[in-house]
Amino acid sequence: MSALALLEAYSRAHPQEVLLVEAQVGGREEVVLIFKGVSSSLTEATVVDADIPLLPEEAVIVAVDRLRSPYTPSAPVYLERGIPWEDFQGRCLGVS
């Protein structure tokens, strides 16, 4: 299972949370918002075709922020910030 699929599974299991994911893709930073299993890019256009992954396999997830839903960009409510991927991956594996 890809890293993005793990994050989406976690978010489906925790619908009261929004995940803000920082990743590196080919030397550039990507920021992805995930809510209820749906991913949207905050730095690039989001592809409409669900069969095309938002983050490629070579993407390196740097950190994950957990926010309270509903997400309000002007006043986000953080539950946790800067969780290293290695730590958050263990949480994801517990719900996939």
C-alpha atoms as a PDB file:
ATOM      1  CA  MET A   1       0.000   0.000   0.000  1.00  0.00           C
ATOM      2  CA  SER A   2       1.368   3.433  -0.922  1.00  0.00           C
ATOM      3  CA  ALA A   3       2.029   6.140   1.644  1.00  0.00           C
ATOM      4  CA  LEU A   4      -0.847   8.208   0.256  1.00  0.00           C
ATOM      5  CA  ALA A   5      -3.218   5.239   0.491  1.00  0.00           C
ATOM      6  CA  LEU A   6      -2.193   4.730   4.132  1.00  0.00           C
ATOM      7  CA  LEU A   7      -2.885   8.393   4.911  1.00  0.00           C
ATOM      8  CA  GLU A   8      -6.253   8.251   3.155  1.00  0.00           C
ATOM      9  CA  ALA A   9      -7.198   5.101   5.108  1.00  0.00           C
ATOM     10  CA  TYR A  10      -6.233   6.835   8.362  1.00  0.00           C
ATOM     11  CA  SER A  11      -8.350   9.857   7.468  1.00  0.00           C
ATOM     12  CA  ARG A  12     -11.379   7.688   6.675  1.00  0.00           C
ATOM     13  CA  ALA A  13     -11.012   6.089  10.110  1.00  0.00           C
ATOM     14  CA  HIS A  14     -10.694   9.539  11.766  1.00  0.00           C
ATOM     15  CA  PRO A  15     -13.288  11.777  10.042  1.00  0.00           C
ATOM     16  CA  GLN A  16     -12.975  14.387  12.797  1.00  0.00           C
ATOM     17  CA  GLU A  17      -9.426  15.127  11.610  1.00  0.00           C
ATOM     18  CA  VAL A  18      -7.850  16.792   8.604  1.00  0.00           C
ATOM     19  CA  LEU A  19      -4.308  15.814   7.646  1.00  0.00           C
ATOM     20  CA  LEU A  20      -1.889  18.331   6.213  1.00  0.00           C
ATOM     21  CA  VAL A  21       0.974  16.422   4.597  1.00  0.00           C
ATOM     22  CA  GLU A  22       4.345  17.897   3.639  1.00  0.00           C
ATOM     23  CA  ALA A  23       6.196  15.883   0.993  1.00  0.00           C
ATOM     24  CA  GLN A  24       9.200  16.241  -1.279  1.00  0.00           C
ATOM     25  CA  VAL A  25       8.757  15.253  -4.926  1.00  0.00           C
ATOM     26  CA  GLY A  26      11.793  15.582  -7.151  1.00  0.00           C
ATOM     27  CA  GLY A  27      13.299  18.412  -5.122  1.00  0.00           C
ATOM     28  CA  ARG A  28      10.110  20.457  -4.798  1.00  0.00           C
ATOM     29  CA  GLU A  29       7.805  20.723  -1.808  1.00  0.00           C
ATOM     30  CA  GLU A  30       4.238  19.470  -2.074  1.00  0.00           C
ATOM     31  CA  VAL A  31       1.510  20.112   0.478  1.00  0.00           C
ATOM     32  CA  VAL A  32      -1.504  17.827   0.440  1.00  0.00           C
ATOM     33  CA  LEU A  33      -4.688  18.109   2.476  1.00  0.00           C
ATOM     34  CA  ILE A  34      -6.514  14.837   3.232  1.00  0.00           C
ATOM     35  CA  PHE A  35     -10.037  14.656   4.659  1.00  0.00           C
ATOM     36  CA  LYS A  36     -12.300  11.591   4.857  1.00  0.00           C
ATOM     37  CA  GLY A  37     -10.055   9.691   2.456  1.00  0.00           C
ATOM     38  CA  VAL A  38      -9.949  12.404  -0.205  1.00  0.00           C
ATOM     39  CA  SER A  39      -6.678  14.131  -1.104  1.00  0.00           C
ATOM     40  CA  SER A  40      -6.251  17.615  -2.538  1.00  0.00           C
ATOM     41  CA  SER A  41      -3.036  19.369  -3.454  1.00  0.00           C
ATOM     42  CA  LEU A  42      -2.489  22.809  -1.967  1.00  0.00           C
ATOM     43  CA  THR A  43       0.585  23.497  -4.119  1.00  0.00           C
ATOM     44  CA  GLU A  44      -0.359  22.037  -7.529  1.00  0.00           C
ATOM     45  CA  ALA A  45      -3.538  21.419  -9.477  1.00  0.00           C
ATOM     46  CA  THR A  46      -5.406  18.382  -8.174  1.00  0.00           C
ATOM     47  CA  VAL A  47      -5.915  15.735 -10.847  1.00  0.00           C
ATOM     48  CA  VAL A  48      -9.590  14.892 -11.330  1.00  0.00           C
ATOM     49  CA  ASP A  49      -8.928  11.243 -12.295  1.00  0.00           C
ATOM     50  CA  ALA A  50      -8.985   9.191  -9.068  1.00  0.00           C
ATOM     51  CA  ASP A  51      -6.855   6.483 -10.738  1.00  0.00           C
ATOM     52  CA  ILE A  52      -3.890   8.890 -10.920  1.00  0.00           C
ATOM     53  CA  PRO A  53      -2.209   9.164  -7.504  1.00  0.00           C
ATOM     54  CA  LEU A  54      -1.802  12.684  -6.183  1.00  0.00           C
ATOM     55  CA  LEU A  55       1.681  11.871  -4.891  1.00  0.00           C
ATOM     56  CA  PRO A  56       3.942   9.647  -6.998  1.00  0.00           C
ATOM     57  CA  GLU A  57       5.579   6.568  -5.476  1.00  0.00           C
ATOM     58  CA  GLU A  58       8.930   8.394  -5.287  1.00  0.00           C
ATOM     59  CA  ALA A  59       7.461  11.128  -3.062  1.00  0.00           C
ATOM     60  CA  VAL A  60       9.107  11.408   0.338  1.00  0.00           C
ATOM     61  CA  ILE A  61       6.703  12.357   3.097  1.00  0.00           C
ATOM     62  CA  VAL A  62       8.471  14.671   5.504  1.00  0.00           C
ATOM     63  CA  ALA A  63       5.847  15.401   8.154  1.00  0.00           C
ATOM     64  CA  VAL A  64       2.140  15.257   8.909  1.00  0.00           C
ATOM     65  CA  ASP A  65       0.013  17.768  10.818  1.00  0.00           C
ATOM     66  CA  ARG A  66      -3.270  16.724  12.395  1.00  0.00           C
ATOM     67  CA  LEU A  67      -5.974  19.402  12.440  1.00  0.00           C
ATOM     68  CA  ARG A  68      -9.493  19.478  13.778  1.00  0.00           C
ATOM     69  CA  SER A  69     -12.291  19.277  11.247  1.00  0.00           C
ATOM     70  CA  PRO A  70     -13.766  21.388   9.787  1.00  0.00           C
ATOM     71  CA  TYR A  71     -10.622  22.919   8.315  1.00  0.00           C
ATOM     72  CA  THR A  72     -10.615  26.699   8.215  1.00  0.00           C
ATOM     73  CA  PRO A  73      -7.491  27.982   6.408  1.00  0.00           C
ATOM     74  CA  SER A  74      -7.675  31.367   8.140  1.00  0.00           C
ATOM     75  CA  ALA A  75      -7.929  29.816  11.626  1.00  0.00           C
ATOM     76  CA  PRO A  76      -6.660  26.211  11.622  1.00  0.00           C
ATOM     77  CA  VAL A  77      -6.918  24.253  14.878  1.00  0.00           C
ATOM     78  CA  TYR A  78      -3.870  22.009  15.184  1.00  0.00           C
ATOM     79  CA  LEU A  79      -4.077  18.821  17.230  1.00  0.00           C
ATOM     80  CA  GLU A  80      -0.427  17.916  16.482  1.00  0.00           C
ATOM     81  CA  ARG A  81       2.204  19.508  14.254  1.00  0.00           C
ATOM     82  CA  GLY A  82       5.267  18.214  12.468  1.00  0.00           C
ATOM     83  CA  ILE A  83       4.815  14.499  13.151  1.00  0.00           C
ATOM     84  CA  PRO A  84       7.673  12.711  11.365  1.00  0.00           C
ATOM     85  CA  TRP A  85       6.479  10.266   8.700  1.00  0.00           C
ATOM     86  CA  GLU A  86       8.161   7.325  10.429  1.00  0.00           C
ATOM     87  CA  ASP A  87       6.052   7.981  13.546  1.00  0.00           C
ATOM     88  CA  PHE A  88       2.800   8.688  11.736  1.00  0.00           C
ATOM     89  CA  GLN A  89       3.185   5.673   9.460  1.00  0.00           C
ATOM     90  CA  GLY A  90       2.836   3.423  12.519  1.00  0.00           C
ATOM     91  CA  ARG A  91      -0.511   5.047  13.305  1.00  0.00           C
ATOM     92  CA  CYS A  92      -1.657   4.507   9.741  1.00  0.00           C
ATOM     93  CA  LEU A  93      -0.698   0.852   9.780  1.00  0.00           C
ATOM     94  CA  GLY A  94      -2.876   0.411  12.853  1.00  0.00           C
ATOM     95  CA  VAL A  95      -6.036   1.402  10.930  1.00  0.00           C
ATOM     96  CA  SER A  96      -5.460   0.209   7.360  1.00  0.00           C
END
